[in-house]
């Protein structure tokens, strides 16, 4: 990728393509508080000039990220956090955590010092946290402009919240995770530019298990609902648990009960096998202790009945 000027960014064909009708590069000052709006208008102009639909793929860490359209240049691809080390193409980036949190990475229980203590490759460490973000050659949306990240852009939280609150959304502040911030911002950007995204696909965001995901998932589903309510087509892979339920409440009670009975039986069978294995383990432990006791007794007998340190000769032929 091209070299980056810390103060300004010239259109980069690998990130935000320059409209074909322009003969000179459109320069955006990233340090400007309104850089987010300039970038939004620039991409919108590019799509309008080239008669291209505005299609967005938001990519998270779960396995379905492999399904994202990385090699279809008609898609704008947004990623987050340290995922840039794992996907082949992206056009914009998001890390909306505090700098301290970015460097600590609570989810991965990783700090730079801990990574070195665990003998993580130094090259890998350099691709993490702020150091990793500093190497990206695409807009990086953060809480504030960060001089250590040349392409960093202020995430317009105040402006976005005011926009959603003015529309009377009951969940205008229902933002419990990074994906929700990305979807909410995408819709906000589409509204302020006057040309909404026609489609938003969400990959690598399964949120299937874990206390953290249980708390975060409803917020994602809320903003997906807002997107569809605004006429945006949303695609979620079948493997993702977002916006899915196994059974329709009230209408499919018998199917639900049969399914629950099946799961309960599977769990009961597993517990029975576990109990049997635990008994076998206890018996094996008893036999091991018995054998170790025999070894110790024979050792003591050899010391007592073999003239102390005098070795007993081999048995007669």
Protein backbone atom coordinates (compact mmCIF):
# COMPACT_ATOMS: atom_id res chain seq x y z
CA UNK A 1 0.00 0.00 0.00
CA UNK A 2 1.00 3.64 -0.46
CA UNK A 3 2.81 5.72 2.13
CA UNK A 4 0.60 7.73 4.48
CA UNK A 5 0.80 11.38 5.46
CA UNK A 6 -0.21 11.80 9.12
CA UNK A 7 -2.23 14.94 8.38
CA UNK A 8 -3.95 14.26 5.08
CA UNK A 9 -5.04 11.31 3.03
CA UNK A 10 -5.21 11.15 -0.74
CA UNK A 11 -7.65 8.68 -2.25
CA UNK A 12 -6.17 5.21 -2.22
CA UNK A 13 -7.47 2.66 -4.78
CA UNK A 14 -7.19 -0.07 -2.16
CA UNK A 15 -9.34 1.75 0.36
CA UNK A 16 -11.60 4.54 -0.87
CA UNK A 17 -11.44 4.58 -4.68
CA UNK A 18 -11.16 7.90 -6.46
CA UNK A 19 -14.21 8.75 -8.62
CA UNK A 20 -13.33 8.14 -12.25
CA UNK A 21 -14.64 11.59 -13.27
CA UNK A 22 -12.10 13.40 -11.10
CA UNK A 23 -8.79 14.36 -12.64
CA UNK A 24 -7.15 15.47 -9.40
CA UNK A 25 -6.98 13.72 -6.07
CA UNK A 26 -9.47 14.84 -3.46
CA UNK A 27 -7.53 15.53 -0.27
CA UNK A 28 -9.16 14.98 3.11
CA UNK A 29 -7.65 16.27 6.34
CA UNK A 30 -8.00 13.39 8.78
CA UNK A 31 -7.25 15.60 11.78
CA UNK A 32 -10.43 17.56 11.04
CA UNK A 33 -13.35 16.80 13.39
CA UNK A 34 -15.50 16.40 10.27
CA UNK A 35 -13.17 13.97 8.47
CA UNK A 36 -15.78 11.22 8.92
CA UNK A 37 -18.28 13.29 6.91
CA UNK A 38 -15.76 14.09 4.17
CA UNK A 39 -14.93 10.39 3.84
CA UNK A 40 -18.61 9.46 3.77
CA UNK A 41 -19.36 11.99 1.04
CA UNK A 42 -16.32 10.92 -0.95
CA UNK A 43 -17.32 7.26 -1.01
CA UNK A 44 -20.93 8.20 -1.76
CA UNK A 45 -19.77 10.36 -4.69
CA UNK A 46 -17.67 7.50 -6.00
CA UNK A 47 -20.66 5.14 -5.96
CA UNK A 48 -22.93 7.68 -7.61
CA UNK A 49 -20.38 8.57 -10.30
CA UNK A 50 -19.81 4.92 -11.16
CA UNK A 51 -23.46 3.91 -10.87
CA UNK A 52 -22.52 1.44 -8.14
CA UNK A 53 -24.80 0.18 -5.39
CA UNK A 54 -23.61 0.93 -1.87
CA UNK A 55 -23.01 -2.56 -0.48
CA UNK A 56 -21.36 -3.08 2.88
CA UNK A 57 -19.88 -6.19 4.50
CA UNK A 58 -19.23 -5.91 8.23
CA UNK A 59 -16.80 -8.61 9.38
CA UNK A 60 -16.19 -9.98 12.88
CA UNK A 61 -13.96 -12.71 14.32
CA UNK A 62 -16.25 -15.78 14.14
CA UNK A 63 -15.64 -18.46 11.46
CA UNK A 64 -18.31 -17.12 9.10
CA UNK A 65 -15.90 -14.26 8.35
CA UNK A 66 -14.50 -16.56 5.65
CA UNK A 67 -17.73 -16.07 3.68
CA UNK A 68 -17.25 -12.32 3.24
CA UNK A 69 -16.87 -11.02 -0.37
CA UNK A 70 -13.22 -10.00 -0.05
CA UNK A 71 -12.52 -10.45 -3.74
CA UNK A 72 -15.55 -8.57 -5.01
CA UNK A 73 -14.45 -4.94 -5.26
CA UNK A 74 -18.05 -3.72 -5.40
CA UNK A 75 -18.31 -4.32 -1.64
CA UNK A 76 -17.03 -1.94 1.02
CA UNK A 77 -15.59 -4.10 3.80
CA UNK A 78 -15.37 -2.94 7.42
CA UNK A 79 -13.43 -4.80 10.11
CA UNK A 80 -12.55 -4.20 13.74
CA UNK A 81 -9.90 -4.47 16.44
CA UNK A 82 -7.01 -6.83 15.56
CA UNK A 83 -8.88 -8.69 12.83
CA UNK A 84 -6.79 -6.98 10.14
CA UNK A 85 -4.21 -9.71 10.73
CA UNK A 86 -6.67 -12.37 9.57
CA UNK A 87 -8.61 -11.11 6.55
CA UNK A 88 -7.29 -10.38 3.03
CA UNK A 89 -9.05 -7.08 2.25
CA UNK A 90 -10.73 -4.23 4.07
CA UNK A 91 -11.62 -0.66 3.18
CA UNK A 92 -12.38 0.88 6.58
CA UNK A 93 -11.49 -0.06 10.14
CA UNK A 94 -13.02 0.40 13.57
CA UNK A 95 -11.59 0.24 17.07
CA UNK A 96 -13.90 2.26 19.27
CA UNK A 97 -12.28 1.29 22.60
CA UNK A 98 -10.14 3.53 24.75
CA UNK A 99 -6.43 3.46 23.97
CA UNK A 100 -5.83 1.70 27.29
CA UNK A 101 -8.33 -0.98 26.39
CA UNK A 102 -6.90 -1.37 22.90
CA UNK A 103 -3.49 -1.98 24.39
CA UNK A 104 -4.82 -4.34 27.05
CA UNK A 105 -7.31 -6.28 24.91
CA UNK A 106 -9.42 -7.56 27.79
CA UNK A 107 -11.27 -10.08 25.63
CA UNK A 108 -8.07 -11.86 24.61
CA UNK A 109 -6.45 -11.33 28.03
CA UNK A 110 -3.44 -9.99 26.18
CA UNK A 111 -1.01 -7.17 26.91
CA UNK A 112 2.21 -6.48 25.09
CA UNK A 113 4.17 -7.46 28.20
CA UNK A 114 2.14 -10.65 28.64
CA UNK A 115 2.56 -11.50 24.96
CA UNK A 116 6.33 -11.26 25.32
CA UNK A 117 6.21 -13.26 28.55
CA UNK A 118 4.36 -15.98 26.65
CA UNK A 119 7.06 -15.76 23.95
CA UNK A 120 4.70 -14.54 21.24
CA UNK A 121 6.61 -13.68 18.08
CA UNK A 122 7.69 -10.01 18.11
CA UNK A 123 6.43 -9.56 14.57
CA UNK A 124 2.98 -10.68 15.73
CA UNK A 125 3.08 -8.29 18.69
CA UNK A 126 3.82 -5.41 16.32
CA UNK A 127 0.56 -6.18 14.49
CA UNK A 128 -1.52 -5.91 17.68
CA UNK A 129 -3.11 -2.95 19.40
CA UNK A 130 -2.14 0.62 18.50
CA UNK A 131 1.00 -0.64 16.76
CA UNK A 132 -1.14 -2.77 14.46
CA UNK A 133 -3.62 0.03 13.79
CA UNK A 134 -0.76 2.39 12.94
CA UNK A 135 0.20 0.18 10.00
CA UNK A 136 -3.23 0.25 8.33
CA UNK A 137 -3.64 2.22 5.12
CA UNK A 138 -7.36 2.84 5.38
CA UNK A 139 -9.53 5.07 7.58
CA UNK A 140 -9.47 3.86 11.19
CA UNK A 141 -12.44 5.09 13.23
CA UNK A 142 -11.52 5.65 16.89
CA UNK A 143 -12.90 7.55 19.86
CA UNK A 144 -10.49 10.38 19.09
CA UNK A 145 -7.92 11.16 16.44
CA UNK A 146 -4.69 9.39 17.49
CA UNK A 147 -1.36 10.73 16.22
CA UNK A 148 0.16 7.26 16.50
CA UNK A 149 -2.39 5.97 13.99
CA UNK A 150 -1.87 8.03 10.79
CA UNK A 151 -5.22 7.08 9.25
CA UNK A 152 -7.25 7.52 12.43
CA UNK A 153 -10.58 9.34 12.19
CA UNK A 154 -12.79 10.58 15.03
CA UNK A 155 -15.90 8.41 15.36
CA UNK A 156 -18.78 10.95 15.37
CA UNK A 157 -20.58 9.61 18.41
CA UNK A 158 -22.15 12.93 19.48
CA UNK A 159 -23.49 13.68 16.00
CA UNK A 160 -24.79 10.15 15.51
CA UNK A 161 -26.58 9.98 18.86
CA UNK A 162 -28.21 13.38 18.21
CA UNK A 163 -29.39 12.12 14.81
CA UNK A 164 -30.99 8.95 16.20
CA UNK A 165 -32.48 10.76 19.20
CA UNK A 166 -34.06 13.33 16.87
CA UNK A 167 -35.70 10.47 14.99
CA UNK A 168 -37.21 9.33 18.27
CA UNK A 169 -35.53 5.92 18.44
CA UNK A 170 -36.15 4.27 21.80
CA UNK A 171 -32.81 2.48 21.42
CA UNK A 172 -30.75 5.42 20.17
CA UNK A 173 -28.17 4.68 22.87
CA UNK A 174 -28.56 0.89 22.72
CA UNK A 175 -24.94 0.32 21.73
CA UNK A 176 -23.40 -2.54 23.72
CA UNK A 177 -20.69 -3.76 21.33
CA UNK A 178 -18.52 -2.76 18.38
CA UNK A 179 -20.76 -4.34 15.73
CA UNK A 180 -23.73 -2.29 16.92
CA UNK A 181 -21.63 0.87 16.65
CA UNK A 182 -20.63 -0.11 13.11
CA UNK A 183 -24.19 -0.83 11.94
CA UNK A 184 -25.57 2.30 13.60
CA UNK A 185 -22.82 4.41 12.04
CA UNK A 186 -23.32 2.87 8.58
CA UNK A 187 -27.02 3.78 8.67
CA UNK A 188 -26.22 7.25 10.00
CA UNK A 189 -23.67 7.77 7.23
CA UNK A 190 -26.14 6.65 4.61
CA UNK A 191 -28.71 9.10 5.94
CA UNK A 192 -26.43 12.15 6.09
CA UNK A 193 -25.07 11.57 2.58
CA UNK A 194 -28.55 11.17 1.18
CA UNK A 195 -27.85 7.73 -0.31
CA UNK A 196 -28.45 4.82 2.04
CA UNK A 197 -26.68 1.46 1.75
CA UNK A 198 -28.74 -0.92 -0.37
CA UNK A 199 -27.37 -3.97 1.43
CA UNK A 200 -25.46 -4.75 4.62
CA UNK A 201 -24.07 -8.25 5.10
CA UNK A 202 -22.77 -9.26 8.52
CA UNK A 203 -20.15 -11.99 8.68
CA UNK A 204 -18.17 -13.43 11.58
CA UNK A 205 -20.66 -12.21 14.18
CA UNK A 206 -22.26 -15.34 15.63
CA UNK A 207 -22.68 -14.34 19.29
CA UNK A 208 -23.85 -17.86 20.10
CA UNK A 209 -22.49 -18.52 23.60
CA UNK A 210 -20.85 -16.74 26.52
CA UNK A 211 -22.11 -14.20 29.05
CA UNK A 212 -20.57 -11.28 27.14
CA UNK A 213 -22.29 -12.22 23.89
CA UNK A 214 -25.61 -12.85 25.65
CA UNK A 215 -25.48 -9.24 26.81
CA UNK A 216 -24.35 -7.88 23.43
CA UNK A 217 -26.45 -9.84 20.97
CA UNK A 218 -29.81 -8.04 21.49
CA UNK A 219 -28.18 -4.70 20.64
CA UNK A 220 -26.92 -6.09 17.32
CA UNK A 221 -30.36 -7.45 16.53
CA UNK A 222 -31.96 -4.11 17.39
CA UNK A 223 -29.80 -2.20 14.87
CA UNK A 224 -30.34 -4.91 12.25
CA UNK A 225 -34.05 -4.31 12.73
CA UNK A 226 -33.54 -0.56 12.32
CA UNK A 227 -31.63 -1.22 9.09
CA UNK A 228 -34.40 -3.37 7.64
CA UNK A 229 -36.96 -0.80 8.75
CA UNK A 230 -35.05 1.80 6.74
CA UNK A 231 -35.27 -0.39 3.65
CA UNK A 232 -31.74 -1.82 3.81
CA UNK A 233 -31.45 -5.46 2.83
CA UNK A 234 -29.54 -7.39 5.52
CA UNK A 235 -27.89 -10.78 5.09
CA UNK A 236 -26.71 -12.95 7.99
CA UNK A 237 -25.12 -16.39 7.37
CA UNK A 238 -27.12 -19.40 8.54
CA UNK A 239 -24.32 -20.35 10.92
CA UNK A 240 -24.79 -17.12 12.86
CA UNK A 241 -27.25 -17.04 15.76
CA UNK A 242 -28.19 -13.41 15.09
CA UNK A 243 -31.94 -12.92 14.51
CA UNK A 244 -32.66 -16.63 14.78
CA UNK A 245 -34.78 -18.81 17.06
CA UNK A 246 -35.20 -22.56 17.05
CA UNK A 247 -38.98 -22.49 17.53
CA UNK A 248 -41.83 -20.02 17.20
CA UNK A 249 -43.07 -19.07 20.64
CA UNK A 250 -46.56 -20.47 21.43
CA UNK A 251 -47.14 -21.99 17.97
CA UNK A 252 -44.52 -24.73 18.11
CA UNK A 253 -44.76 -25.90 21.71
CA UNK A 254 -44.89 -29.63 20.89
CA UNK A 255 -41.81 -29.40 18.64
CA UNK A 256 -40.01 -27.39 21.27
CA UNK A 257 -40.81 -29.93 23.98
CA UNK A 258 -39.64 -32.82 21.78
CA UNK A 259 -36.41 -30.96 21.08
CA UNK A 260 -35.86 -30.17 24.76
CA UNK A 261 -36.57 -33.82 25.69
CA UNK A 262 -34.00 -34.93 23.15
CA UNK A 263 -31.38 -32.55 24.54
CA UNK A 264 -32.18 -33.60 28.10
CA UNK A 265 -31.76 -37.27 27.14
CA UNK A 266 -28.44 -36.56 25.45
CA UNK A 267 -27.31 -34.72 28.58
CA UNK A 268 -28.53 -37.54 30.84
CA UNK A 269 -26.70 -40.18 28.75
CA UNK A 270 -23.52 -38.12 28.88
CA UNK A 271 -23.79 -37.78 32.66
CA UNK A 272 -24.29 -41.55 32.97
CA UNK A 273 -21.17 -42.18 30.89
CA UNK A 274 -19.27 -39.61 32.94
CA UNK A 275 -20.30 -41.33 36.18
CA UNK A 276 -19.15 -44.72 34.85
CA UNK A 277 -15.85 -43.25 33.69
CA UNK A 278 -15.37 -41.59 37.08
CA UNK A 279 -15.87 -44.95 38.80
CA UNK A 280 -13.37 -46.55 36.43
CA UNK A 281 -10.96 -43.69 37.12
CA UNK A 282 -11.36 -44.24 40.89
CA UNK A 283 -10.73 -47.99 40.48
CA UNK A 284 -7.66 -47.31 38.33
CA UNK A 285 -6.38 -44.89 40.98
CA UNK A 286 -6.92 -47.55 43.66
CA UNK A 287 -4.99 -50.13 41.61
CA UNK A 288 -2.18 -47.65 41.00
CA UNK A 289 -1.92 -46.93 44.72
CA UNK A 290 -1.91 -50.67 45.41
CA UNK A 291 0.90 -51.27 42.92
CA UNK A 292 2.92 -48.35 44.28
CA UNK A 293 2.51 -49.77 47.80
CA UNK A 294 3.84 -53.15 46.64
CA UNK A 295 6.84 -51.47 45.04
CA UNK A 296 7.56 -49.62 48.27
CA UNK A 297 7.19 -52.73 50.46
CA UNK A 298 9.51 -54.77 48.24
CA UNK A 299 12.04 -51.94 48.31
CA UNK A 300 11.98 -51.89 52.11
CA UNK A 301 12.32 -55.69 52.25
CA UNK A 302 15.39 -55.52 50.01
CA UNK A 303 17.01 -53.04 52.38
CA UNK A 304 16.21 -55.04 55.53
CA UNK A 305 16.92 -58.60 54.29
CA UNK A 306 19.81 -58.00 51.92
CA UNK A 307 22.56 -57.09 54.45
CA UNK A 308 21.76 -53.39 54.11
CA UNK A 309 23.83 -52.03 51.21
CA UNK A 310 25.09 -55.44 50.04
CA UNK A 311 23.45 -56.26 46.76
CA UNK A 312 21.71 -59.58 46.40
CA UNK A 313 23.22 -61.63 43.64
CA UNK A 314 21.24 -62.99 40.76
CA UNK A 315 19.05 -66.01 41.47
CA UNK A 316 20.67 -69.40 40.81
CA UNK A 317 20.31 -70.74 37.29
